[in-house]
């Protein structure tokens, strides 16, 4: 992610130079008409241009910003409520599938619960996305941004926050909360004293996380491609059909000129390339934040982008009207969002490896409790007995239902015959300490490498830097020659002597 962003900086510098936008500043942008209409009574002198312009007082700006932030938190809380509803569904479905009459469903009840939960979660995600766009639009208009680029940056940040939380809240729940508070046999924690909290699959929580990410990512990419190409195709087909019917009713043959055919195509989104940027940034998050749990994500993103490049080319040329051009020196707030995702990816992958996966428990067992203790680490034999070590014992007679014998469950608890039955063992605390130590070491190490890579790669290519310096030098030479020629003309006009040197 860091290498990608650093090389994008270099590419951006080349494009900015080629399009002659090096010295173009945002101050050259015109004020939004809505801003001028709202604050036309309050003016101040622009320190750049020296001319009076409408001004938004700080108390007004702060109050509007607070209302906007409150709206953002309300929508995020709505997302978390939807996630909680899906969790409740999974608890109810888990109980139903476990007692299902169909043997196949009864045997794989955990996969059935996860699969249906993911599909319902995806439908909720797509439904809420429609609401988010309207809310983000209203909140951004409420802030009354000064220029169009400020409006787009504010709107982009809101849309990213809404959709990021919407897409990833259920994934974060499965990665870090699923099965952590389920309790133990004989003392399970229950929601509303009715439904037992869900546990991970016996093979671990990574399989649930992988399934959640795979389904959401694939379905989201398919839906986006349909909405970007299939929806405009259907709309254009319907508009052409209506025009044909209108022409037949007038009993005349109408041959439309090309410009009118182009006008009948679908208009560009009011927000420009906002949806395209948002899709790529969310995809960047999928391929970096939980890549340790779903290593197939980058390949799926690559295949999707190869297809989407051609779909976008076809869409822009044949299905949409030509968009209005606008100047920009960079991709705006999106670069800061991508950098934030890169930082978050380091933290989440550290937690996924340490907490969600079995890497740390295996590591602790191999070095502290396995057959290779104090003998050096060998992968083939050092994990012998690990599964038995990771399972605790429960006495079925404690249930009071006529059962006898023992059952095993995943946890590090003392056996029922010990002096402190069902208390956490020393191995549990060793694993916990190793997990915390791994998170700290991993984060510092990866952040150090990240900063070192960013330092090594210059933001501007050397040949471009030389060209810019050469251009600056030539401009200075031209100014020098022009000034010298001007002064020589003045001296000649006044009858004074002059020489070919700086006067």
Protein backbone atom coordinates (compact mmCIF):
# COMPACT_ATOMS: atom_id res chain seq x y z
CA UNK A 1 0.00 0.00 0.00
CA UNK A 2 2.81 2.41 0.84
CA UNK A 3 4.69 1.69 -2.40
CA UNK A 4 1.47 2.20 -4.36
CA UNK A 5 0.79 5.56 -2.71
CA UNK A 6 4.38 6.78 -3.08
CA UNK A 7 4.47 5.94 -6.79
CA UNK A 8 1.08 7.60 -7.19
CA UNK A 9 2.67 10.81 -5.83
CA UNK A 10 5.29 10.60 -8.57
CA UNK A 11 2.65 9.94 -11.23
CA UNK A 12 0.56 12.84 -9.93
CA UNK A 13 3.58 15.19 -10.15
CA UNK A 14 4.13 14.19 -13.81
CA UNK A 15 0.45 14.71 -14.70
CA UNK A 16 0.31 18.06 -12.90
CA UNK A 17 3.35 19.25 -14.85
CA UNK A 18 2.07 17.95 -18.21
CA UNK A 19 -1.28 19.68 -17.71
CA UNK A 20 0.41 22.93 -16.61
CA UNK A 21 -1.18 22.97 -13.16
CA UNK A 22 1.98 23.35 -11.06
CA UNK A 23 1.21 26.94 -10.08
CA UNK A 24 -2.58 26.65 -10.12
CA UNK A 25 -4.01 27.35 -6.69
CA UNK A 26 -7.41 26.67 -5.17
CA UNK A 27 -7.77 30.43 -4.58
CA UNK A 28 -8.40 30.75 -8.31
CA UNK A 29 -11.65 28.81 -7.88
CA UNK A 30 -14.88 30.75 -8.02
CA UNK A 31 -17.17 30.84 -5.01
CA UNK A 32 -20.21 28.58 -5.04
CA UNK A 33 -23.41 30.51 -5.89
CA UNK A 34 -25.10 29.07 -2.79
CA UNK A 35 -22.30 30.44 -0.60
CA UNK A 36 -22.50 33.88 -2.20
CA UNK A 37 -26.28 34.00 -1.85
CA UNK A 38 -26.16 32.96 1.82
CA UNK A 39 -23.36 35.27 2.98
CA UNK A 40 -23.63 38.19 0.57
CA UNK A 41 -24.41 40.57 3.47
CA UNK A 42 -21.15 39.72 5.30
CA UNK A 43 -17.95 40.62 3.46
CA UNK A 44 -14.25 40.75 4.15
CA UNK A 45 -11.18 41.53 2.06
CA UNK A 46 -9.56 38.47 0.53
CA UNK A 47 -5.88 38.49 1.64
CA UNK A 48 -4.85 36.94 -1.70
CA UNK A 49 -6.75 39.10 -4.19
CA UNK A 50 -7.29 42.18 -2.03
CA UNK A 51 -10.95 42.33 -3.09
CA UNK A 52 -14.06 42.11 -0.86
CA UNK A 53 -15.88 38.78 -0.96
CA UNK A 54 -18.66 37.02 1.03
CA UNK A 55 -17.45 35.63 4.36
CA UNK A 56 -18.83 32.92 6.66
CA UNK A 57 -18.45 33.90 10.35
CA UNK A 58 -16.71 31.36 12.56
CA UNK A 59 -19.64 30.81 15.04
CA UNK A 60 -21.96 30.07 12.12
CA UNK A 61 -19.41 27.71 10.56
CA UNK A 62 -18.83 25.90 13.88
CA UNK A 63 -22.54 25.44 14.61
CA UNK A 64 -23.19 24.04 11.14
CA UNK A 65 -20.20 21.73 11.48
CA UNK A 66 -21.47 20.42 14.83
CA UNK A 67 -24.89 19.66 13.33
CA UNK A 68 -23.17 17.85 10.44
CA UNK A 69 -20.98 15.80 12.78
CA UNK A 70 -24.05 14.88 14.87
CA UNK A 71 -25.78 13.68 11.70
CA UNK A 72 -22.74 11.56 10.80
CA UNK A 73 -22.67 9.92 14.24
CA UNK A 74 -26.40 9.26 14.06
CA UNK A 75 -26.02 7.48 10.71
CA UNK A 76 -23.06 5.47 11.99
CA UNK A 77 -25.10 4.42 15.03
CA UNK A 78 -27.84 3.34 12.60
CA UNK A 79 -25.30 1.08 10.88
CA UNK A 80 -24.24 -0.44 14.19
CA UNK A 81 -27.90 -1.04 15.02
CA UNK A 82 -28.31 -2.90 11.72
CA UNK A 83 -25.24 -5.01 12.56
CA UNK A 84 -26.73 -5.82 15.96
CA UNK A 85 -29.96 -6.88 14.23
CA UNK A 86 -27.97 -9.24 11.99
CA UNK A 87 -26.22 -10.64 15.09
CA UNK A 88 -29.61 -11.33 16.70
CA UNK A 89 -30.74 -13.02 13.47
CA UNK A 90 -27.65 -15.24 13.51
CA UNK A 91 -28.40 -16.28 17.09
CA UNK A 92 -31.99 -17.18 16.24
CA UNK A 93 -31.02 -18.90 12.97
CA UNK A 94 -28.27 -20.85 14.70
CA UNK A 95 -30.80 -22.41 17.04
CA UNK A 96 -33.22 -23.18 14.20
CA UNK A 97 -30.63 -24.66 11.83
CA UNK A 98 -29.15 -26.83 14.61
CA UNK A 99 -32.56 -28.49 15.06
CA UNK A 100 -33.45 -28.59 11.34
CA UNK A 101 -35.04 -31.76 9.96
CA UNK A 102 -32.92 -31.75 6.80
CA UNK A 103 -29.74 -33.62 7.78
CA UNK A 104 -27.44 -31.60 5.49
CA UNK A 105 -28.51 -28.29 7.07
CA UNK A 106 -28.40 -29.82 10.56
CA UNK A 107 -24.83 -31.04 9.99
CA UNK A 108 -23.52 -27.76 8.56
CA UNK A 109 -25.65 -25.39 10.63
CA UNK A 110 -22.77 -22.99 11.26
CA UNK A 111 -22.08 -22.51 7.54
CA UNK A 112 -25.83 -22.12 6.90
CA UNK A 113 -26.05 -19.47 9.63
CA UNK A 114 -23.01 -17.57 8.32
CA UNK A 115 -24.14 -17.79 4.68
CA UNK A 116 -27.66 -16.52 5.25
CA UNK A 117 -26.38 -13.86 7.67
CA UNK A 118 -23.94 -12.56 5.05
CA UNK A 119 -26.67 -12.35 2.39
CA UNK A 120 -29.04 -10.49 4.70
CA UNK A 121 -26.21 -8.18 5.76
CA UNK A 122 -25.42 -7.44 2.10
CA UNK A 123 -29.06 -6.51 1.39
CA UNK A 124 -29.06 -4.18 4.39
CA UNK A 125 -25.78 -2.63 3.17
CA UNK A 126 -27.16 -1.90 -0.30
CA UNK A 127 -30.41 -0.51 1.14
CA UNK A 128 -28.63 1.83 3.54
CA UNK A 129 -26.28 3.06 0.80
CA UNK A 130 -29.24 4.75 -0.92
CA UNK A 131 -30.13 6.57 2.30
CA UNK A 132 -26.53 7.57 3.01
CA UNK A 133 -26.07 9.44 -0.26
CA UNK A 134 -29.13 11.62 0.36
CA UNK A 135 -28.14 12.30 3.99
CA UNK A 136 -24.55 13.14 3.02
CA UNK A 137 -25.83 15.52 0.35
CA UNK A 138 -28.11 17.32 2.83
CA UNK A 139 -25.42 17.57 5.52
CA UNK A 140 -22.85 18.93 3.05
CA UNK A 141 -25.28 21.56 1.73
CA UNK A 142 -26.04 22.50 5.33
CA UNK A 143 -22.35 23.33 5.91
CA UNK A 144 -22.34 25.80 2.95
CA UNK A 145 -18.78 25.10 1.71
CA UNK A 146 -17.00 28.06 0.09
CA UNK A 147 -15.86 26.49 -3.20
CA UNK A 148 -16.81 23.49 -5.29
CA UNK A 149 -13.67 21.57 -4.30
CA UNK A 150 -14.45 22.12 -0.60
CA UNK A 151 -17.97 20.83 -1.19
CA UNK A 152 -16.66 17.73 -2.98
CA UNK A 153 -14.07 17.02 -0.26
CA UNK A 154 -16.68 17.31 2.50
CA UNK A 155 -19.18 15.16 0.61
CA UNK A 156 -16.49 12.57 -0.23
CA UNK A 157 -15.43 12.25 3.42
CA UNK A 158 -19.02 11.70 4.56
CA UNK A 159 -19.74 9.14 1.86
CA UNK A 160 -16.54 7.27 2.67
CA UNK A 161 -17.27 7.20 6.41
CA UNK A 162 -20.83 6.00 5.86
CA UNK A 163 -19.98 3.30 3.34
CA UNK A 164 -16.81 2.18 5.10
CA UNK A 165 -18.65 1.64 8.38
CA UNK A 166 -21.56 0.07 6.49
CA UNK A 167 -19.35 -2.42 4.66
CA UNK A 168 -16.84 -3.25 7.37
CA UNK A 169 -18.75 -3.13 10.67
CA UNK A 170 -19.96 -6.74 10.31
CA UNK A 171 -16.45 -7.82 9.27
CA UNK A 172 -14.93 -6.17 12.35
CA UNK A 173 -17.54 -7.90 14.51
CA UNK A 174 -16.66 -11.33 13.13
CA UNK A 175 -12.91 -10.69 13.30
CA UNK A 176 -12.68 -9.34 16.84
CA UNK A 177 -15.91 -9.99 18.77
CA UNK A 178 -17.48 -13.22 17.47
CA UNK A 179 -17.03 -16.01 20.01
CA UNK A 180 -15.06 -13.85 22.47
CA UNK A 181 -17.89 -13.53 25.00
CA UNK A 182 -19.75 -16.81 24.50
CA UNK A 183 -18.79 -18.26 27.88
CA UNK A 184 -18.16 -21.95 28.50
CA UNK A 185 -20.22 -25.16 28.72
CA UNK A 186 -22.50 -25.01 31.74
CA UNK A 187 -22.18 -21.23 31.92
CA UNK A 188 -22.93 -19.80 28.48
CA UNK A 189 -23.72 -16.11 28.11
CA UNK A 190 -27.13 -15.46 26.57
CA UNK A 191 -28.67 -12.45 24.85
CA UNK A 192 -31.88 -11.32 26.58
CA UNK A 193 -31.51 -14.52 28.68
CA UNK A 194 -32.86 -16.39 25.66
CA UNK A 195 -30.35 -16.92 22.85
CA UNK A 196 -26.89 -18.27 23.44
CA UNK A 197 -24.16 -16.07 21.95
CA UNK A 198 -22.63 -17.34 18.73
CA UNK A 199 -19.27 -19.09 18.69
CA UNK A 200 -16.69 -19.46 15.95
CA UNK A 201 -16.48 -22.56 13.78
CA UNK A 202 -14.44 -25.35 15.42
CA UNK A 203 -11.71 -24.70 12.85
CA UNK A 204 -11.44 -21.09 14.06
CA UNK A 205 -12.90 -17.65 13.37
CA UNK A 206 -10.91 -17.11 10.18
CA UNK A 207 -13.26 -19.29 8.12
CA UNK A 208 -16.24 -17.09 9.12
CA UNK A 209 -14.26 -13.94 8.37
CA UNK A 210 -13.12 -15.28 5.00
CA UNK A 211 -16.70 -16.21 4.04
CA UNK A 212 -18.02 -12.80 5.06
CA UNK A 213 -15.38 -10.90 3.09
CA UNK A 214 -15.61 -13.13 0.01
CA UNK A 215 -19.39 -12.90 -0.34
CA UNK A 216 -19.58 -9.14 0.30
CA UNK A 217 -16.67 -8.32 -2.01
CA UNK A 218 -17.88 -10.48 -4.93
CA UNK A 219 -21.53 -9.39 -4.67
CA UNK A 220 -20.55 -5.72 -4.26
CA UNK A 221 -18.35 -5.80 -7.38
CA UNK A 222 -21.06 -7.53 -9.43
CA UNK A 223 -23.68 -5.03 -8.24
CA UNK A 224 -21.42 -2.04 -8.98
CA UNK A 225 -20.67 -3.26 -12.50
CA UNK A 226 -24.38 -3.76 -13.17
CA UNK A 227 -25.29 -0.30 -11.86
CA UNK A 228 -22.50 1.35 -13.86
CA UNK A 229 -23.28 -0.31 -17.19
CA UNK A 230 -26.50 -2.35 -17.07
CA UNK A 231 -28.63 0.41 -15.55
CA UNK A 232 -27.63 3.09 -18.14
CA UNK A 233 -28.15 0.53 -20.93
CA UNK A 234 -31.71 -0.15 -19.75
CA UNK A 235 -32.47 3.57 -19.35
CA UNK A 236 -31.14 4.45 -22.80
CA UNK A 237 -33.07 1.55 -24.35
CA UNK A 238 -36.27 2.78 -22.69
CA UNK A 239 -35.74 6.39 -23.81
CA UNK A 240 -35.10 5.26 -27.42
CA UNK A 241 -38.27 3.14 -27.27
CA UNK A 242 -40.34 6.12 -26.10
CA UNK A 243 -38.91 8.29 -28.88
CA UNK A 244 -39.79 5.66 -31.50
CA UNK A 245 -43.35 5.47 -30.18
CA UNK A 246 -43.62 9.25 -30.28
CA UNK A 247 -42.33 9.30 -33.87
CA UNK A 248 -44.84 6.62 -34.95
CA UNK A 249 -47.73 8.49 -33.33
CA UNK A 250 -46.79 11.61 -35.32
CA UNK A 251 -46.67 9.40 -38.46
CA UNK A 252 -43.40 10.98 -39.53
CA UNK A 253 -39.92 9.63 -39.90
CA UNK A 254 -37.61 11.48 -37.58
CA UNK A 255 -33.89 11.31 -38.23
CA UNK A 256 -32.26 12.87 -35.20
CA UNK A 257 -28.90 14.64 -35.56
CA UNK A 258 -25.95 13.23 -33.63
CA UNK A 259 -25.93 16.01 -31.04
CA UNK A 260 -29.53 15.24 -30.10
CA UNK A 261 -28.77 11.52 -29.85
CA UNK A 262 -25.90 12.39 -27.51
CA UNK A 263 -28.21 14.62 -25.49
CA UNK A 264 -30.62 11.70 -25.01
CA UNK A 265 -27.88 9.64 -23.31
CA UNK A 266 -27.70 9.41 -19.53
CA UNK A 267 -26.29 12.50 -17.78
CA UNK A 268 -23.09 12.27 -15.79
CA UNK A 269 -23.52 11.95 -12.04
CA UNK A 270 -23.85 15.35 -10.37
CA UNK A 271 -20.89 14.49 -8.17
CA UNK A 272 -18.57 13.83 -11.10
CA UNK A 273 -16.25 10.93 -10.48
CA UNK A 274 -17.29 10.58 -6.83
CA UNK A 275 -18.73 7.08 -7.27
CA UNK A 276 -15.67 5.91 -9.22
CA UNK A 277 -13.28 7.19 -6.55
CA UNK A 278 -15.40 5.79 -3.75
CA UNK A 279 -15.53 2.34 -5.32
CA UNK A 280 -11.76 2.22 -5.77
CA UNK A 281 -11.04 3.47 -2.23
CA UNK A 282 -13.40 0.91 -0.66
CA UNK A 283 -11.80 -1.79 -2.79
CA UNK A 284 -8.38 -0.60 -1.62
CA UNK A 285 -9.63 -1.09 1.94
CA UNK A 286 -10.79 -4.63 1.19
CA UNK A 287 -7.41 -5.56 -0.30
CA UNK A 288 -5.36 -4.16 2.60
CA UNK A 289 -7.29 -4.05 5.89
CA UNK A 290 -8.12 -7.77 6.21
CA UNK A 291 -5.75 -9.22 3.63
CA UNK A 292 -4.26 -11.55 6.27
CA UNK A 293 -7.66 -13.22 6.62
CA UNK A 294 -8.65 -13.16 2.93
CA UNK A 295 -5.51 -13.25 0.72
CA UNK A 296 -7.68 -13.76 -2.37
CA UNK A 297 -8.97 -10.17 -2.14
CA UNK A 298 -6.16 -8.55 -4.23
CA UNK A 299 -6.67 -11.10 -7.03
CA UNK A 300 -10.43 -10.51 -7.08
CA UNK A 301 -9.82 -6.75 -7.13
CA UNK A 302 -7.36 -7.09 -10.03
CA UNK A 303 -9.77 -9.21 -12.10
CA UNK A 304 -12.62 -6.81 -11.36
CA UNK A 305 -10.54 -3.78 -12.37
CA UNK A 306 -9.39 -5.38 -15.64
CA UNK A 307 -13.04 -5.92 -16.56
CA UNK A 308 -14.22 -2.56 -15.21
CA UNK A 309 -11.66 -0.55 -17.22
CA UNK A 310 -13.28 -1.82 -20.43
CA UNK A 311 -16.81 -1.39 -19.04
CA UNK A 312 -16.04 2.20 -18.02
CA UNK A 313 -14.59 2.97 -21.46
CA UNK A 314 -17.73 1.63 -23.14
CA UNK A 315 -19.97 3.47 -20.65
CA UNK A 316 -18.28 6.87 -21.05
CA UNK A 317 -18.20 6.65 -24.85
CA UNK A 318 -21.61 5.17 -25.65
CA UNK A 319 -23.97 5.42 -22.66
CA UNK A 320 -23.21 8.70 -20.89
CA UNK A 321 -23.08 12.29 -22.04
CA UNK A 322 -19.66 13.83 -22.24
CA UNK A 323 -18.76 15.08 -18.73
CA UNK A 324 -17.82 18.68 -18.03
CA UNK A 325 -14.05 19.11 -17.50
CA UNK A 326 -12.70 20.67 -14.32
CA UNK A 327 -9.23 21.62 -13.14
CA UNK A 328 -7.59 19.76 -10.27
CA UNK A 329 -3.99 19.43 -9.13
CA UNK A 330 -4.58 16.11 -7.32
CA UNK A 331 -7.31 13.68 -6.26
CA UNK A 332 -8.27 15.88 -3.32
CA UNK A 333 -9.20 14.33 0.00
CA UNK A 334 -9.06 10.82 -1.44
CA UNK A 335 -5.29 10.64 -1.03
CA UNK A 336 -5.56 11.39 2.69
CA UNK A 337 -8.25 8.70 2.98
CA UNK A 338 -5.98 6.18 1.23
CA UNK A 339 -3.14 7.00 3.64
CA UNK A 340 -5.52 6.56 6.57
CA UNK A 341 -6.56 3.15 5.23
CA UNK A 342 -2.88 2.18 4.96
CA UNK A 343 -2.34 3.00 8.64
CA UNK A 344 -5.54 1.20 9.68
CA UNK A 345 -4.49 -1.85 7.62
CA UNK A 346 -1.31 -2.27 9.69
CA UNK A 347 -3.28 -2.20 12.95
CA UNK A 348 -6.10 -4.52 11.84
CA UNK A 349 -3.78 -7.10 10.28
CA UNK A 350 -1.74 -7.15 13.50
CA UNK A 351 -4.93 -7.86 15.47
CA UNK A 352 -6.16 -10.43 12.93
CA UNK A 353 -2.88 -12.39 13.09
CA UNK A 354 -2.64 -12.10 16.88
CA UNK A 355 -6.26 -12.52 17.97
CA UNK A 356 -8.36 -14.04 15.17
CA UNK A 357 -5.89 -16.61 13.84
CA UNK A 358 -4.24 -19.49 15.75
CA UNK A 359 -0.74 -18.32 14.92
CA UNK A 360 0.15 -17.09 18.43
CA UNK A 361 -1.35 -20.07 20.34
CA UNK A 362 0.58 -22.44 18.07
CA UNK A 363 3.75 -20.40 18.54
CA UNK A 364 3.41 -20.42 22.35
CA UNK A 365 2.67 -24.14 22.40
CA UNK A 366 5.65 -25.00 20.19
CA UNK A 367 8.13 -23.05 22.31
CA UNK A 368 6.68 -23.45 25.81
CA UNK A 369 4.43 -26.50 26.09
CA UNK A 370 5.19 -28.77 23.11
CA UNK A 371 7.66 -31.62 22.68
CA UNK A 372 10.32 -29.22 21.34
CA UNK A 373 10.59 -27.10 24.49
CA UNK A 374 14.25 -26.05 24.96
CA UNK A 375 15.26 -28.12 21.90
CA UNK A 376 14.88 -25.62 19.04
CA UNK A 377 11.88 -25.18 16.81
CA UNK A 378 10.96 -27.72 14.11
CA UNK A 379 7.58 -27.30 12.47
CA UNK A 380 7.00 -30.98 11.67
CA UNK A 381 7.00 -32.38 15.17
CA UNK A 382 6.83 -29.40 17.53
CA UNK A 383 3.05 -28.99 17.14
CA UNK A 384 2.31 -32.61 18.05
CA UNK A 385 -0.41 -32.55 20.69
CA UNK A 386 -1.41 -28.93 20.01
CA UNK A 387 -5.12 -29.64 19.40
CA UNK A 388 -5.37 -31.62 22.63
CA UNK A 389 -3.62 -28.81 24.49
CA UNK A 390 -6.03 -26.19 23.11
CA UNK A 391 -9.11 -28.07 24.34
CA UNK A 392 -10.49 -27.93 27.86
CA UNK A 393 -12.57 -30.54 29.69
CA UNK A 394 -16.17 -30.23 30.94
CA UNK A 395 -18.01 -32.68 33.20
CA UNK A 396 -21.40 -33.42 31.60
CA UNK A 397 -22.90 -34.49 34.93
CA UNK A 398 -22.88 -30.84 36.01
CA UNK A 399 -25.68 -30.13 33.53
CA UNK A 400 -28.11 -32.12 35.71
CA UNK A 401 -29.76 -33.74 32.69
CA UNK A 402 -28.70 -37.35 33.27
CA UNK A 403 -25.57 -37.16 31.11
CA UNK A 404 -22.25 -38.60 32.23
CA UNK A 405 -18.70 -38.44 30.95
CA UNK A 406 -16.66 -35.54 29.63
CA UNK A 407 -16.73 -33.29 26.57
CA UNK A 408 -14.03 -31.04 25.10
CA UNK A 409 -14.29 -27.40 24.03
CA UNK A 410 -11.86 -24.78 22.74
CA UNK A 411 -10.46 -22.78 25.65
CA UNK A 412 -7.66 -22.71 28.19
CA UNK A 413 -9.48 -23.58 31.43
CA UNK A 414 -8.67 -25.84 34.35
CA UNK A 415 -10.38 -29.29 34.38
CA UNK A 416 -13.30 -29.96 36.74
CA UNK A 417 -11.15 -32.09 39.07
CA UNK A 418 -8.63 -29.32 39.77
CA UNK A 419 -8.63 -27.10 42.86
CA UNK A 420 -9.89 -24.15 40.78
CA UNK A 421 -12.23 -25.74 38.23
CA UNK A 422 -12.90 -23.87 34.98
CA UNK A 423 -10.57 -21.01 35.85
CA UNK A 424 -8.15 -19.76 33.19
CA UNK A 425 -4.88 -21.68 33.15
CA UNK A 426 -1.35 -20.30 33.02
CA UNK A 427 -1.23 -21.16 29.30
CA UNK A 428 -4.12 -18.75 28.67
CA UNK A 429 -2.18 -15.86 30.22
CA UNK A 430 0.96 -16.84 28.30
CA UNK A 431 -1.01 -16.76 25.03
CA UNK A 432 -2.61 -13.42 25.94
CA UNK A 433 0.76 -11.84 26.79
CA UNK A 434 2.27 -13.20 23.56
CA UNK A 435 -0.64 -11.75 21.55
CA UNK A 436 -0.21 -8.29 23.05
CA UNK A 437 3.56 -8.42 22.56
CA UNK A 438 3.14 -9.51 18.94
CA UNK A 439 0.73 -6.61 18.22
CA UNK A 440 3.18 -4.05 19.62
CA UNK A 441 6.24 -5.49 17.84
CA UNK A 442 4.39 -6.04 14.54
CA UNK A 443 2.94 -2.52 14.44
CA UNK A 444 6.23 -0.80 15.26
CA UNK A 445 8.16 -2.94 12.80
CA UNK A 446 5.72 -2.46 9.91
CA UNK A 447 5.28 1.26 10.60
CA UNK A 448 9.07 1.59 10.60
CA UNK A 449 9.34 -0.20 7.25
CA UNK A 450 6.45 1.90 5.93
CA UNK A 451 8.16 5.16 6.90
CA UNK A 452 11.50 3.96 5.51
CA UNK A 453 9.93 3.08 2.13
CA UNK A 454 8.19 6.49 2.01
CA UNK A 455 11.53 8.17 2.75
CA UNK A 456 13.38 6.22 0.05
CA UNK A 457 10.95 7.02 -2.77
CA UNK A 458 11.08 10.72 -3.75
CA UNK A 459 7.75 12.43 -4.43
CA UNK A 460 8.96 13.96 -7.72
CA UNK A 461 10.99 12.01 -10.35
CA UNK A 462 14.52 13.34 -10.86
CA UNK A 463 14.07 14.07 -14.58
CA UNK A 464 10.89 16.03 -13.84
CA UNK A 465 12.65 17.94 -11.06
CA UNK A 466 15.45 18.83 -13.51
CA UNK A 467 12.92 19.98 -16.11
CA UNK A 468 11.15 22.18 -13.58
CA UNK A 469 14.42 23.73 -12.43
CA UNK A 470 15.45 24.25 -16.09
CA UNK A 471 12.12 25.95 -16.81
CA UNK A 472 12.52 28.22 -13.78
CA UNK A 473 16.05 29.09 -14.88
CA UNK A 474 14.89 30.00 -18.41
CA UNK A 475 12.10 32.18 -17.03
CA UNK A 476 14.59 34.04 -14.88
CA UNK A 477 16.91 34.49 -17.89
CA UNK A 478 14.05 35.85 -20.00
CA UNK A 479 13.07 38.27 -17.25
CA UNK A 480 16.70 39.39 -16.94
CA UNK A 481 17.04 39.93 -20.70
CA UNK A 482 13.74 41.78 -20.92
CA UNK A 483 14.65 44.09 -18.03
CA UNK A 484 18.10 44.71 -19.47
CA UNK A 485 16.65 45.55 -22.90
CA UNK A 486 14.12 47.88 -21.29
CA UNK A 487 16.79 49.78 -19.35
CA UNK A 488 19.05 50.05 -22.41
CA UNK A 489 16.18 51.58 -24.40
CA UNK A 490 15.56 54.07 -21.63
CA UNK A 491 19.23 55.12 -21.51
CA UNK A 492 19.44 55.43 -25.30
CA UNK A 493 16.31 57.52 -25.28
CA UNK A 494 17.84 59.84 -22.67
CA UNK A 495 21.13 60.07 -24.58
CA UNK A 496 23.19 58.20 -22.01
CA UNK A 497 25.87 55.65 -22.76
CA UNK A 498 25.07 52.00 -22.15
CA UNK A 499 27.03 48.81 -22.10
CA UNK A 500 26.12 45.14 -22.53
CA UNK A 501 26.14 44.53 -18.82
CA UNK A 502 23.84 44.88 -15.88
CA UNK A 503 23.38 48.65 -15.32
